[in-house]
Amino acid sequence: MSWVCAQIPAVSFGNLHLADLEYADDTILLSNDIKKLTAALSVYDRESRKLGLKVSWAKTKLIHVGEDPDPPSLNFDGNVVEFADSFVYLGSTVTNSGDLKPEIERRRALWSNIMQALRKPLWCQQSISRTTKMRIYNAAVLSVLLYGAETWPLTATLSSRLDVFDSTALRSILGIHWRDFVSSETVRAFTAQPPASALAARRRVR
């Protein structure tokens, strides 16, 4: 990537000048011009081949941030690289509008699957203490819901949705049904669990 970045122009973000973001074999190339981006992808492909590596064009996507219409798709040796409204990078959904809602919904779905999978073997087991259940909830469930929260620009609406998901999980763990008319404040007092939105805010500040 050092060889690639030496041959392509960087994009300025204030005092930062970045040509790429990379983690292991997941790479993002940054450009403010479609012609420069096309050239950058060509350089990336060429330098990869020198090391016996091959770009997976089927997994390669373009994302355009801005109000103008998307440019046409690019073609590399018969491989069409299309523009997408969003993509998943390092486990988080990135959208062309910066909208956080798709990522929150994706987190909710993953969280829901784990809650359901642990229902019979864990939450419904009276022989397992509440303390143990809460430790597992924080480690294996809440961590999934709040993955990537350090970068979330949460609105009041999204914060409220997170807290609803969290309260629902706590009620399931405690065996409290909505017909029992137990308030969320009482549930949190039982578990000594801060709201998910507060935990997300702490992560962002940290």
Protein backbone atom coordinates (compact mmCIF):
# COMPACT_ATOMS: atom_id res chain seq x y z
CA MET A 1 0.00 0.00 0.00
CA SER A 2 2.97 2.32 0.48
CA TRP A 3 3.82 1.76 -3.19
CA VAL A 4 0.20 2.42 -4.19
CA CYS A 5 -0.19 5.57 -2.09
CA ALA A 6 3.07 6.98 -3.46
CA GLN A 7 1.48 6.94 -6.93
CA ILE A 8 -2.01 8.31 -6.21
CA PRO A 9 -3.19 11.73 -4.94
CA ALA A 10 -4.51 12.11 -1.42
CA VAL A 11 -7.78 13.68 -0.28
CA SER A 12 -7.65 16.50 2.28
CA PHE A 13 -9.73 16.44 5.46
CA GLY A 14 -8.69 19.63 7.25
CA ASN A 15 -5.01 19.10 8.04
CA LEU A 16 -5.17 15.39 7.21
CA HIS A 17 -4.21 14.07 3.79
CA LEU A 18 -5.38 10.50 3.19
CA ALA A 19 -5.16 8.31 0.10
CA ASP A 20 -6.51 5.15 1.70
CA LEU A 21 -7.89 3.39 4.76
CA GLU A 22 -6.69 -0.14 5.34
CA TYR A 23 -7.08 -3.03 7.74
CA ALA A 24 -5.55 -6.39 6.78
CA ASP A 25 -6.89 -7.06 3.27
CA ASP A 26 -9.85 -4.65 3.53
CA THR A 27 -8.87 -1.46 1.74
CA ILE A 28 -10.65 1.78 0.91
CA LEU A 29 -9.19 4.10 -1.72
CA LEU A 30 -10.19 7.76 -1.39
CA SER A 31 -10.52 10.24 -4.23
CA ASN A 32 -12.40 13.44 -5.03
CA ASP A 33 -12.37 12.81 -8.78
CA ILE A 34 -13.65 9.81 -10.76
CA LYS A 35 -10.71 9.88 -13.20
CA LYS A 36 -8.24 9.90 -10.32
CA LEU A 37 -10.12 7.05 -8.67
CA THR A 38 -10.02 4.99 -11.87
CA ALA A 39 -6.27 5.56 -12.08
CA ALA A 40 -5.86 4.68 -8.39
CA LEU A 41 -7.69 1.37 -8.86
CA SER A 42 -5.48 0.57 -11.83
CA VAL A 43 -2.36 1.24 -9.74
CA TYR A 44 -3.78 -0.89 -6.92
CA ASP A 45 -4.44 -3.77 -9.32
CA ARG A 46 -1.01 -3.49 -10.90
CA GLU A 47 0.91 -3.42 -7.62
CA SER A 48 -1.16 -6.34 -6.28
CA ARG A 49 -0.27 -8.49 -9.28
CA LYS A 50 3.44 -7.88 -8.65
CA LEU A 51 3.04 -9.70 -5.34
CA GLY A 52 0.93 -12.51 -6.77
CA LEU A 53 -2.29 -11.04 -5.33
CA LYS A 54 -5.54 -10.57 -7.18
CA VAL A 55 -8.24 -7.97 -6.66
CA SER A 56 -11.70 -9.46 -6.07
CA TRP A 57 -13.65 -7.22 -8.41
CA ALA A 58 -16.92 -8.91 -7.44
CA LYS A 59 -16.46 -7.61 -3.89
CA THR A 60 -15.18 -4.21 -4.96
CA LYS A 61 -17.75 -1.42 -4.66
CA LEU A 62 -17.78 2.31 -5.26
CA ILE A 63 -19.57 4.81 -3.05
CA HIS A 64 -20.19 8.42 -4.02
CA VAL A 65 -20.65 11.00 -1.27
CA GLY A 66 -22.34 14.15 -2.52
CA GLU A 67 -25.52 15.59 -3.99
CA ASP A 68 -24.60 15.04 -7.64
CA PRO A 69 -25.78 11.89 -9.46
CA ASP A 70 -23.51 8.85 -9.30
CA PRO A 71 -20.97 8.62 -12.14
CA PRO A 72 -21.28 5.61 -14.46
CA SER A 73 -19.90 2.26 -13.34
CA LEU A 74 -16.25 1.51 -14.03
CA ASN A 75 -14.91 -1.36 -16.13
CA PHE A 76 -11.61 -3.11 -15.48
CA ASP A 77 -10.70 -5.83 -17.98
CA GLY A 78 -14.37 -6.76 -18.37
CA ASN A 79 -15.07 -6.54 -14.62
CA VAL A 80 -17.79 -4.01 -13.84
CA VAL A 81 -17.43 -2.11 -10.56
CA GLU A 82 -20.73 -0.50 -9.61
CA PHE A 83 -21.75 2.29 -7.27
CA ALA A 84 -23.59 1.32 -4.10
CA ASP A 85 -25.66 3.32 -1.61
CA SER A 86 -23.89 1.57 1.26
CA PHE A 87 -21.37 -1.13 2.10
CA VAL A 88 -20.13 -2.96 5.18
CA TYR A 89 -16.56 -2.12 6.19
CA LEU A 90 -14.96 -3.76 9.24
CA GLY A 91 -18.37 -4.87 10.44
CA SER A 92 -20.10 -1.49 10.19
CA THR A 93 -22.47 -0.13 7.54
CA VAL A 94 -21.18 2.96 5.73
CA THR A 95 -23.74 4.93 3.70
CA ASN A 96 -23.30 7.58 1.04
CA SER A 97 -25.48 9.99 3.02
CA GLY A 98 -23.89 9.41 6.41
CA ASP A 99 -27.24 8.11 7.71
CA LEU A 100 -26.73 6.02 10.84
CA LYS A 101 -30.16 4.34 10.84
CA PRO A 102 -29.17 1.39 8.54
CA GLU A 103 -26.30 0.52 10.88
CA ILE A 104 -28.53 0.74 13.96
CA GLU A 105 -31.07 -1.56 12.28
CA ARG A 106 -28.33 -4.00 11.31
CA ARG A 107 -27.03 -4.00 14.89
CA ARG A 108 -30.59 -4.59 16.15
CA ALA A 109 -31.00 -7.63 13.90
CA LEU A 110 -27.71 -9.15 15.08
CA TRP A 111 -28.59 -8.37 18.70
CA SER A 112 -32.03 -9.97 18.30
CA ASN A 113 -30.55 -13.18 16.88
CA ILE A 114 -28.20 -13.56 19.84
CA MET A 115 -30.96 -12.82 22.36
CA GLN A 116 -33.16 -15.48 20.79
CA ALA A 117 -30.34 -18.03 20.62
CA LEU A 118 -29.62 -17.60 24.36
CA ARG A 119 -33.25 -17.57 25.47
CA LYS A 120 -33.70 -21.26 26.36
CA PRO A 121 -30.15 -22.19 27.38
CA LEU A 122 -29.57 -19.07 29.49
CA TRP A 123 -32.30 -16.46 30.08
CA CYS A 124 -34.98 -19.02 30.98
CA GLN A 125 -32.73 -20.99 33.36
CA GLN A 126 -33.70 -20.22 36.96
CA SER A 127 -30.59 -22.00 38.24
CA ILE A 128 -28.33 -19.38 36.68
CA SER A 129 -27.90 -16.22 38.76
CA ARG A 130 -28.92 -12.78 37.57
CA THR A 131 -25.33 -11.61 38.03
CA THR A 132 -24.03 -14.28 35.67
CA LYS A 133 -26.74 -13.52 33.11
CA MET A 134 -25.90 -9.82 33.19
CA ARG A 135 -22.19 -10.49 32.76
CA ILE A 136 -22.92 -12.60 29.69
CA TYR A 137 -25.40 -10.02 28.39
CA ASN A 138 -22.82 -7.24 28.57
CA ALA A 139 -20.05 -9.34 27.07
CA ALA A 140 -21.87 -11.23 24.33
CA VAL A 141 -25.04 -9.28 23.54
CA LEU A 142 -24.68 -5.60 24.37
CA SER A 143 -21.21 -5.54 22.82
CA VAL A 144 -22.80 -6.59 19.52
CA LEU A 145 -25.51 -3.92 19.74
CA LEU A 146 -22.95 -1.19 20.46
CA TYR A 147 -20.21 -2.35 18.08
CA GLY A 148 -18.67 0.73 16.48
CA ALA A 149 -20.59 3.11 18.77
CA GLU A 150 -17.42 5.18 19.22
CA THR A 151 -18.12 6.76 15.82
CA TRP A 152 -21.92 7.13 16.02
CA PRO A 153 -23.45 10.63 15.72
CA LEU A 154 -26.54 9.60 17.69
CA THR A 155 -29.75 11.61 17.46
CA ALA A 156 -32.38 11.65 20.20
CA THR A 157 -34.54 9.26 18.12
CA LEU A 158 -31.75 6.73 17.58
CA SER A 159 -30.71 6.97 21.23
CA SER A 160 -34.28 6.18 22.23
CA ARG A 161 -34.36 3.16 19.89
CA LEU A 162 -31.17 1.79 21.44
CA ASP A 163 -32.64 2.14 24.92
CA VAL A 164 -35.83 0.35 23.85
CA PHE A 165 -33.79 -2.58 22.50
CA ASP A 166 -31.78 -2.65 25.72
CA SER A 167 -34.84 -2.47 28.00
CA THR A 168 -36.52 -5.27 26.06
CA ALA A 169 -33.47 -7.46 26.59
CA LEU A 170 -33.32 -6.72 30.31
CA ARG A 171 -36.99 -7.61 30.73
CA SER A 172 -36.37 -10.91 28.94
CA ILE A 173 -33.43 -11.68 31.21
CA LEU A 174 -35.45 -10.89 34.34
CA GLY A 175 -38.53 -12.76 33.09
CA ILE A 176 -40.70 -9.63 33.24
CA HIS A 177 -43.62 -9.49 30.79
CA TRP A 178 -45.04 -6.24 29.49
CA ARG A 179 -48.36 -7.14 31.17
CA ASP A 180 -46.60 -6.95 34.54
CA PHE A 181 -46.55 -3.14 34.25
CA VAL A 182 -42.99 -2.81 35.53
CA SER A 183 -41.33 0.47 34.54
CA SER A 184 -38.02 0.65 32.71
CA GLU A 185 -36.57 2.57 35.67
CA THR A 186 -37.44 -0.34 37.97
CA VAL A 187 -35.91 -2.81 35.54
CA ARG A 188 -32.67 -0.82 35.47
CA ALA A 189 -32.66 -0.59 39.24
CA PHE A 190 -32.89 -4.39 39.44
CA THR A 191 -29.98 -4.85 37.05
CA ALA A 192 -27.89 -1.73 37.86
CA GLN A 193 -27.55 -1.38 34.10
CA PRO A 194 -27.09 2.09 32.53
CA PRO A 195 -29.03 2.85 29.33
CA ALA A 196 -27.43 1.67 26.08
CA SER A 197 -27.41 5.25 24.77
CA ALA A 198 -25.38 6.36 27.79
CA LEU A 199 -22.87 3.58 27.19
CA ALA A 200 -22.61 4.60 23.53
CA ALA A 201 -21.97 8.21 24.57
CA ARG A 202 -19.24 7.10 26.98
CA ARG A 203 -17.54 5.12 24.24
CA ARG A 204 -17.63 8.09 21.91
CA VAL A 205 -16.10 10.42 24.52
CA ARG A 206 -13.45 7.84 25.44
